[in-house]
Every structure is written in C-alpha cells, then in structure tokens.
PDB file of N, CA and C in Angstrom:
ATOM      1  N   UNK A   1       4.208  -7.043 -15.989  1.00  0.00           N
ATOM      2  CA  UNK A   1       2.201  -7.431 -16.469  1.00  0.00           C
ATOM      3  C   UNK A   1       2.228  -6.160 -17.542  1.00  0.00           C
ATOM      4  N   UNK A   2       1.934  -7.034 -18.590  1.00  0.00           N
ATOM      5  CA  UNK A   2       0.955  -7.265 -19.930  1.00  0.00           C
ATOM      6  C   UNK A   2      -0.448  -6.953 -19.809  1.00  0.00           C
ATOM      7  N   UNK A   3      -0.752  -5.961 -20.820  1.00  0.00           N
ATOM      8  CA  UNK A   3      -2.983  -6.408 -21.551  1.00  0.00           C
ATOM      9  C   UNK A   3      -2.623  -5.809 -22.649  1.00  0.00           C
ATOM     10  N   UNK A   4      -3.659  -6.189 -23.007  1.00  0.00           N
ATOM     11  CA  UNK A   4      -4.083  -6.144 -24.145  1.00  0.00           C
ATOM     12  C   UNK A   4      -5.094  -4.892 -24.513  1.00  0.00           C
ATOM     13  N   UNK A   5      -4.695  -3.934 -25.753  1.00  0.00           N
ATOM     14  CA  UNK A   5      -5.679  -2.326 -25.451  1.00  0.00           C
ATOM     15  C   UNK A   5      -7.049  -3.159 -26.132  1.00  0.00           C
ATOM     16  N   UNK A   6      -8.004  -2.948 -26.176  1.00  0.00           N
ATOM     17  CA  UNK A   6      -9.348  -3.197 -27.301  1.00  0.00           C
ATOM     18  C   UNK A   6      -9.550  -2.330 -28.314  1.00  0.00           C
ATOM     19  N   UNK A   7     -10.557  -2.813 -29.204  1.00  0.00           N
ATOM     20  CA  UNK A   7     -10.750  -2.062 -30.372  1.00  0.00           C
ATOM     21  C   UNK A   7     -11.064  -0.360 -30.171  1.00  0.00           C
ATOM     22  N   UNK A   8     -11.838  -0.568 -28.678  1.00  0.00           N
ATOM     23  CA  UNK A   8     -12.316   0.754 -28.479  1.00  0.00           C
ATOM     24  C   UNK A   8     -11.147   1.425 -27.149  1.00  0.00           C
ATOM     25  N   UNK A   9     -10.096   0.945 -27.088  1.00  0.00           N
ATOM     26  CA  UNK A   9      -9.079   2.062 -26.807  1.00  0.00           C
ATOM     27  C   UNK A   9      -8.982   1.042 -24.739  1.00  0.00           C
ATOM     28  N   UNK A  10     -10.238   0.638 -25.159  1.00  0.00           N
ATOM     29  CA  UNK A  10      -9.844  -0.122 -23.021  1.00  0.00           C
ATOM     30  C   UNK A  10      -9.035  -0.565 -22.775  1.00  0.00           C
ATOM     31  N   UNK A  11      -8.354  -0.895 -21.284  1.00  0.00           N
ATOM     32  CA  UNK A  11      -7.371  -1.879 -21.067  1.00  0.00           C
ATOM     33  C   UNK A  11      -7.773  -2.158 -19.606  1.00  0.00           C
ATOM     34  N   UNK A  12      -7.502  -3.884 -19.509  1.00  0.00           N
ATOM     35  CA  UNK A  12      -7.890  -4.502 -18.245  1.00  0.00           C
ATOM     36  C   UNK A  12      -6.534  -3.934 -17.196  1.00  0.00           C
ATOM     37  N   UNK A  13      -7.482  -3.457 -15.871  1.00  0.00           N
ATOM     38  CA  UNK A  13      -6.238  -2.916 -14.902  1.00  0.00           C
ATOM     39  C   UNK A  13      -5.631  -4.595 -14.168  1.00  0.00           C
ATOM     40  N   UNK A  14      -4.503  -4.745 -14.190  1.00  0.00           N
ATOM     41  CA  UNK A  14      -4.185  -6.242 -13.395  1.00  0.00           C
ATOM     42  C   UNK A  14      -4.819  -6.484 -12.068  1.00  0.00           C
ATOM     43  N   UNK A  15      -4.728  -7.514 -11.851  1.00  0.00           N
ATOM     44  CA  UNK A  15      -5.468  -7.762 -10.732  1.00  0.00           C
ATOM     45  C   UNK A  15      -4.826  -6.581  -8.925  1.00  0.00           C
ATOM     46  N   UNK A  16      -3.304  -7.527  -9.251  1.00  0.00           N
ATOM     47  CA  UNK A  16      -2.144  -7.325  -8.217  1.00  0.00           C
ATOM     48  C   UNK A  16      -2.442  -5.422  -8.371  1.00  0.00           C
ATOM     49  N   UNK A  17      -2.448  -4.709  -9.513  1.00  0.00           N
ATOM     50  CA  UNK A  17      -2.552  -3.371  -9.194  1.00  0.00           C
ATOM     51  C   UNK A  17      -3.435  -3.056  -8.445  1.00  0.00           C
ATOM     52  N   UNK A  18      -4.594  -3.465  -9.129  1.00  0.00           N
ATOM     53  CA  UNK A  18      -6.168  -3.539  -8.399  1.00  0.00           C
ATOM     54  C   UNK A  18      -6.243  -3.397  -7.044  1.00  0.00           C
ATOM     55  N   UNK A  19      -5.779  -4.632  -6.617  1.00  0.00           N
ATOM     56  CA  UNK A  19      -5.567  -4.883  -5.359  1.00  0.00           C
ATOM     57  C   UNK A  19      -4.047  -3.517  -4.708  1.00  0.00           C
ATOM     58  N   UNK A  20      -3.327  -3.367  -4.829  1.00  0.00           N
ATOM     59  CA  UNK A  20      -2.538  -2.453  -4.674  1.00  0.00           C
ATOM     60  C   UNK A  20      -2.889  -1.050  -4.608  1.00  0.00           C
ATOM     61  N   UNK A  21      -3.749  -0.388  -4.560  1.00  0.00           N
ATOM     62  CA  UNK A  21      -4.432   0.992  -5.262  1.00  0.00           C
ATOM     63  C   UNK A  21      -5.952   0.069  -4.514  1.00  0.00           C
ATOM     64  N   UNK A  22      -6.049  -0.380  -4.297  1.00  0.00           N
ATOM     65  CA  UNK A  22      -7.405  -0.926  -3.522  1.00  0.00           C
ATOM     66  C   UNK A  22      -8.635   0.132  -4.616  1.00  0.00           C
ATOM     67  N   UNK A  23      -8.080  -0.585  -5.571  1.00  0.00           N
ATOM     68  CA  UNK A  23      -9.408   0.036  -7.250  1.00  0.00           C
ATOM     69  C   UNK A  23     -10.070  -0.885  -6.664  1.00  0.00           C
ATOM     70  N   UNK A  24     -11.680  -1.069  -7.101  1.00  0.00           N
ATOM     71  CA  UNK A  24     -12.831  -2.213  -7.303  1.00  0.00           C
ATOM     72  C   UNK A  24     -13.750  -1.524  -8.077  1.00  0.00           C
ATOM     73  N   UNK A  25     -15.046  -2.652  -8.382  1.00  0.00           N
ATOM     74  CA  UNK A  25     -16.054  -1.932  -9.285  1.00  0.00           C
ATOM     75  C   UNK A  25     -16.061  -0.390  -9.387  1.00  0.00           C
ATOM     76  N   UNK A  26     -16.126   0.275 -10.414  1.00  0.00           N
ATOM     77  CA  UNK A  26     -16.755   1.465 -10.234  1.00  0.00           C
ATOM     78  C   UNK A  26     -16.153   3.219  -9.104  1.00  0.00           C
ATOM     79  N   UNK A  27     -14.974   2.422  -8.892  1.00  0.00           N
ATOM     80  CA  UNK A  27     -13.707   3.349  -8.749  1.00  0.00           C
ATOM     81  C   UNK A  27     -12.953   4.439  -9.518  1.00  0.00           C
ATOM     82  N   UNK A  28     -12.766   5.171  -9.355  1.00  0.00           N
ATOM     83  CA  UNK A  28     -12.317   6.124 -10.519  1.00  0.00           C
ATOM     84  C   UNK A  28     -10.749   6.614 -10.292  1.00  0.00           C
ATOM     85  N   UNK A  29     -10.051   6.202 -11.352  1.00  0.00           N
ATOM     86  CA  UNK A  29      -8.531   6.081 -11.607  1.00  0.00           C
ATOM     87  C   UNK A  29      -8.034   7.881 -12.913  1.00  0.00           C
ATOM     88  N   UNK A  30      -6.716   7.990 -12.496  1.00  0.00           N
ATOM     89  CA  UNK A  30      -6.520   9.006 -13.254  1.00  0.00           C
ATOM     90  C   UNK A  30      -5.770   8.158 -13.918  1.00  0.00           C
ATOM     91  N   UNK A  31      -4.600   9.045 -14.801  1.00  0.00           N
ATOM     92  CA  UNK A  31      -3.787   8.592 -15.313  1.00  0.00           C
ATOM     93  C   UNK A  31      -2.867   9.722 -15.337  1.00  0.00           C
ATOM     94  N   UNK A  32      -1.796   9.782 -15.765  1.00  0.00           N
ATOM     95  CA  UNK A  32      -0.654  11.307 -15.576  1.00  0.00           C
ATOM     96  C   UNK A  32       0.250  10.785 -15.784  1.00  0.00           C
ATOM     97  N   UNK A  33       1.208  11.806 -16.731  1.00  0.00           N
ATOM     98  CA  UNK A  33       2.584  11.106 -16.623  1.00  0.00           C
ATOM     99  C   UNK A  33       3.459  12.127 -16.545  1.00  0.00           C
ATOM    100  N   UNK A  34       4.917  11.580 -15.176  1.00  0.00           N
ATOM    101  CA  UNK A  34       5.964  11.796 -14.324  1.00  0.00           C
ATOM    102  C   UNK A  34       6.506  12.411 -15.426  1.00  0.00           C
ATOM    103  N   UNK A  35       7.467  12.490 -14.491  1.00  0.00           N
ATOM    104  CA  UNK A  35       8.350  13.646 -14.830  1.00  0.00           C
ATOM    105  C   UNK A  35       9.432  12.930 -15.669  1.00  0.00           C
ATOM    106  N   UNK A  36       9.744  11.444 -15.542  1.00  0.00           N
ATOM    107  CA  UNK A  36      10.351  10.751 -16.380  1.00  0.00           C
ATOM    108  C   UNK A  36       9.744  10.487 -17.757  1.00  0.00           C
ATOM    109  N   UNK A  37       8.469  10.514 -18.452  1.00  0.00           N
ATOM    110  CA  UNK A  37       7.468  10.356 -19.397  1.00  0.00           C
ATOM    111  C   UNK A  37       6.974   9.245 -18.736  1.00  0.00           C
ATOM    112  N   UNK A  38       6.901   8.847 -17.541  1.00  0.00           N
ATOM    113  CA  UNK A  38       6.448   7.366 -17.478  1.00  0.00           C
ATOM    114  C   UNK A  38       4.416   7.507 -17.239  1.00  0.00           C
ATOM    115  N   UNK A  39       3.851   6.728 -17.758  1.00  0.00           N
ATOM    116  CA  UNK A  39       2.484   7.053 -17.612  1.00  0.00           C
ATOM    117  C   UNK A  39       1.939   5.901 -15.994  1.00  0.00           C
ATOM    118  N   UNK A  40       1.150   6.730 -14.773  1.00  0.00           N
ATOM    119  CA  UNK A  40       0.946   6.677 -13.510  1.00  0.00           C
ATOM    120  C   UNK A  40      -0.124   6.272 -13.706  1.00  0.00           C
ATOM    121  N   UNK A  41      -0.738   4.831 -12.924  1.00  0.00           N
ATOM    122  CA  UNK A  41      -2.962   5.184 -12.671  1.00  0.00           C
ATOM    123  C   UNK A  41      -2.686   5.281 -11.083  1.00  0.00           C
ATOM    124  N   UNK A  42      -2.920   6.097 -10.361  1.00  0.00           N
ATOM    125  CA  UNK A  42      -3.353   6.402  -9.586  1.00  0.00           C
ATOM    126  C   UNK A  42      -5.256   6.019  -9.307  1.00  0.00           C
ATOM    127  N   UNK A  43      -5.107   5.978  -8.102  1.00  0.00           N
ATOM    128  CA  UNK A  43      -7.356   6.735  -7.249  1.00  0.00           C
ATOM    129  C   UNK A  43      -7.135   8.221  -8.345  1.00  0.00           C
ATOM    130  N   UNK A  44      -8.301   8.556  -8.317  1.00  0.00           N
ATOM    131  CA  UNK A  44      -8.521   9.938  -8.843  1.00  0.00           C
ATOM    132  C   UNK A  44      -8.580  10.877  -7.097  1.00  0.00           C
ATOM    133  N   UNK A  45      -9.200   9.859  -6.244  1.00  0.00           N
ATOM    134  CA  UNK A  45      -9.283  10.318  -5.018  1.00  0.00           C
ATOM    135  C   UNK A  45      -8.387  11.478  -4.296  1.00  0.00           C
ATOM    136  N   UNK A  46      -7.151  10.556  -4.349  1.00  0.00           N
ATOM    137  CA  UNK A  46      -5.578  10.761  -4.627  1.00  0.00           C
ATOM    138  C   UNK A  46      -5.345  10.068  -3.417  1.00  0.00           C
ATOM    139  N   UNK A  47      -6.233   8.711  -2.571  1.00  0.00           N
ATOM    140  CA  UNK A  47      -6.080   8.561  -1.251  1.00  0.00           C
ATOM    141  C   UNK A  47      -5.250   6.959  -1.246  1.00  0.00           C
ATOM    142  N   UNK A  48      -4.137   6.736  -0.982  1.00  0.00           N
ATOM    143  CA  UNK A  48      -3.577   5.464  -1.272  1.00  0.00           C
ATOM    144  C   UNK A  48      -4.074   3.992   0.096  1.00  0.00           C
ATOM    145  N   UNK A  49      -4.377   2.849  -0.481  1.00  0.00           N
ATOM    146  CA  UNK A  49      -5.233   2.490   0.688  1.00  0.00           C
ATOM    147  C   UNK A  49      -3.158   1.863   1.647  1.00  0.00           C
ATOM    148  N   UNK A  50      -4.070   1.902   3.054  1.00  0.00           N
ATOM    149  CA  UNK A  50      -3.036   1.943   3.951  1.00  0.00           C
ATOM    150  C   UNK A  50      -2.433   0.902   4.094  1.00  0.00           C
ATOM    151  N   UNK A  51      -1.042   0.461   4.296  1.00  0.00           N
ATOM    152  CA  UNK A  51       0.350  -0.686   3.992  1.00  0.00           C
ATOM    153  C   UNK A  51      -0.550  -1.734   4.699  1.00  0.00           C
ATOM    154  N   UNK A  52       0.000  -3.222   4.084  1.00  0.00           N
ATOM    155  CA  UNK A  52       0.072  -4.238   5.279  1.00  0.00           C
ATOM    156  C   UNK A  52       0.223  -4.365   6.180  1.00  0.00           C
ATOM    157  N   UNK A  53       1.676  -3.064   6.591  1.00  0.00           N
ATOM    158  CA  UNK A  53       2.169  -2.834   8.106  1.00  0.00           C
ATOM    159  C   UNK A  53       1.460  -1.530   8.688  1.00  0.00           C
ATOM    160  N   UNK A  54       1.221  -0.498   8.141  1.00  0.00           N
ATOM    161  CA  UNK A  54       0.926   0.265   8.775  1.00  0.00           C
ATOM    162  C   UNK A  54      -0.513   0.093   9.792  1.00  0.00           C
ATOM    163  N   UNK A  55      -1.093  -0.878   9.220  1.00  0.00           N
ATOM    164  CA  UNK A  55      -3.092  -1.331   9.972  1.00  0.00           C
ATOM    165  C   UNK A  55      -2.484  -2.239  11.429  1.00  0.00           C
ATOM    166  N   UNK A  56      -1.089  -2.119  11.194  1.00  0.00           N
ATOM    167  CA  UNK A  56      -0.474  -3.240  12.605  1.00  0.00           C
ATOM    168  C   UNK A  56       0.261  -2.520  13.400  1.00  0.00           C
ATOM    169  N   UNK A  57       0.417  -0.764  13.213  1.00  0.00           N
ATOM    170  CA  UNK A  57       1.136  -0.116  14.246  1.00  0.00           C
ATOM    171  C   UNK A  57       1.012   0.419  15.158  1.00  0.00           C
ATOM    172  N   UNK A  58       0.870  -0.013  16.098  1.00  0.00           N
ATOM    173  CA  UNK A  58       0.819   0.428  17.369  1.00  0.00           C
ATOM    174  C   UNK A  58      -0.147  -0.158  18.626  1.00  0.00           C
ATOM    175  N   UNK A  59      -0.587  -1.622  17.879  1.00  0.00           N
ATOM    176  CA  UNK A  59      -1.647  -2.654  17.685  1.00  0.00           C
ATOM    177  C   UNK A  59      -0.959  -3.641  20.266  1.00  0.00           C
ATOM    178  N   UNK A  60       0.530  -3.590  19.703  1.00  0.00           N
ATOM    179  CA  UNK A  60       1.509  -4.627  20.529  1.00  0.00           C
ATOM    180  C   UNK A  60       1.069  -3.708  22.641  1.00  0.00           C
ATOM    181  N   UNK A  61       0.585  -2.199  22.419  1.00  0.00           N
ATOM    182  CA  UNK A  61       0.740  -1.651  23.571  1.00  0.00           C
ATOM    183  C   UNK A  61       2.373  -0.940  23.942  1.00  0.00           C
ATOM    184  N   UNK A  62       2.225  -0.952  25.181  1.00  0.00           N
ATOM    185  CA  UNK A  62       3.723  -0.897  25.934  1.00  0.00           C
ATOM    186  C   UNK A  62       4.397  -1.960  26.205  1.00  0.00           C
ATOM    187  N   UNK A  63       5.480  -1.169  26.117  1.00  0.00           N
ATOM    188  CA  UNK A  63       6.729  -3.328  26.532  1.00  0.00           C
ATOM    189  C   UNK A  63       6.889  -2.403  26.930  1.00  0.00           C
ATOM    190  N   UNK A  64       8.093  -3.413  28.111  1.00  0.00           N
ATOM    191  CA  UNK A  64       8.981  -2.884  29.637  1.00  0.00           C
ATOM    192  C   UNK A  64      10.040  -2.196  29.619  1.00  0.00           C
ATOM    193  N   UNK A  65      10.185  -1.375  30.684  1.00  0.00           N
ATOM    194  CA  UNK A  65      11.018  -0.215  29.791  1.00  0.00           C
ATOM    195  C   UNK A  65      12.299  -0.780  29.533  1.00  0.00           C
ATOM    196  N   UNK A  66      13.138   0.031  29.693  1.00  0.00           N
ATOM    197  CA  UNK A  66      14.702  -0.118  29.381  1.00  0.00           C
ATOM    198  C   UNK A  66      15.608  -0.851  30.132  1.00  0.00           C
ATOM    199  N   UNK A  67      15.406  -0.404  31.627  1.00  0.00           N
ATOM    200  CA  UNK A  67      15.553  -0.936  33.351  1.00  0.00           C
ATOM    201  C   UNK A  67      15.224  -2.251  33.258  1.00  0.00           C
ATOM    202  N   UNK A  68      13.307  -2.025  32.994  1.00  0.00           N
ATOM    203  CA  UNK A  68      12.850  -3.522  32.873  1.00  0.00           C
ATOM    204  C   UNK A  68      14.243  -4.585  31.928  1.00  0.00           C
ATOM    205  N   UNK A  69      14.121  -4.037  31.271  1.00  0.00           N
ATOM    206  CA  UNK A  69      14.861  -5.315  29.937  1.00  0.00           C
ATOM    207  C   UNK A  69      16.018  -5.441  30.291  1.00  0.00           C
ATOM    208  N   UNK A  70      16.523  -4.558  30.962  1.00  0.00           N
ATOM    209  CA  UNK A  70      18.335  -4.912  30.491  1.00  0.00           C
ATOM    210  C   UNK A  70      18.312  -5.824  32.190  1.00  0.00           C
ATOM    211  N   UNK A  71      17.610  -5.622  33.084  1.00  0.00           N
ATOM    212  CA  UNK A  71      16.943  -6.473  34.150  1.00  0.00           C
ATOM    213  C   UNK A  71      16.996  -7.680  33.575  1.00  0.00           C
ATOM    214  N   UNK A  72      16.111  -8.063  32.615  1.00  0.00           N
ATOM    215  CA  UNK A  72      15.842  -9.386  32.439  1.00  0.00           C
ATOM    216  C   UNK A  72      16.585  -9.983  30.806  1.00  0.00           C
ATOM    217  N   UNK A  73      17.233  -9.431  30.427  1.00  0.00           N
ATOM    218  CA  UNK A  73      18.253 -10.004  29.899  1.00  0.00           C
ATOM    219  C   UNK A  73      19.424 -10.207  31.244  1.00  0.00           C
ATOM    220  N   UNK A  74      20.047  -9.470  32.085  1.00  0.00           N
ATOM    221  CA  UNK A  74      21.107  -9.766  33.041  1.00  0.00           C
ATOM    222  C   UNK A  74      20.624 -10.733  34.269  1.00  0.00           C
ATOM    223  N   UNK A  75      19.290 -11.307  33.839  1.00  0.00           N
ATOM    224  CA  UNK A  75      18.945 -11.985  34.780  1.00  0.00           C
ATOM    225  C   UNK A  75      18.189 -11.862  35.906  1.00  0.00           C
ATOM    226  N   UNK A  76      18.587 -11.151  36.662  1.00  0.00           N
ATOM    227  CA  UNK A  76      18.403  -9.877  37.799  1.00  0.00           C
ATOM    228  C   UNK A  76      16.881 -10.533  38.146  1.00  0.00           C
ATOM    229  N   UNK A  77      16.131 -10.982  38.869  1.00  0.00           N
ATOM    230  CA  UNK A  77      15.076 -11.117  39.452  1.00  0.00           C
ATOM    231  C   UNK A  77      14.394  -9.355  39.856  1.00  0.00           C
TER     232      UNK A  77
END
C-alpha cells in the first residue's frame, strides 16, 4: 500500500491499516523504528483490537465428553 506525503509532511493511513488497528478519527498513533530499521505504526495507547477469531472464543459452550463422542462415533446408543 502506497500513499503520498503532502507538503505539510502528512500522510493518509490506508483504510485497511486503520481497520486492522482500530484507528478512528481522533485516535492517537505512535511511530517507532523496529530492530530491522522499519517504521511501525501503532495505537499510542498500546492496545490492539480483538482479533476476528478471539471475539468468538468460548461461545459454543461445553461439548460432549470424550466417552460420549466415542459412543456416537461407534454408533452406540
């Protein structure tokens, strides 16, 4: 993803990056250089939005026990 720098030194953070980081209008962001010399953009509060998988963790409830599964697989009643 490429973007242009304005004459004021401003850039637009691409929408895909804003969505990934949960950045909204008024959000504070931090820039840092990592060990490899690459620039990293992150939320300045240090939090990361919940992953799309994490929000579904634990909603299925308890399932059948191992013995119950084995009985179903074997066709036992």
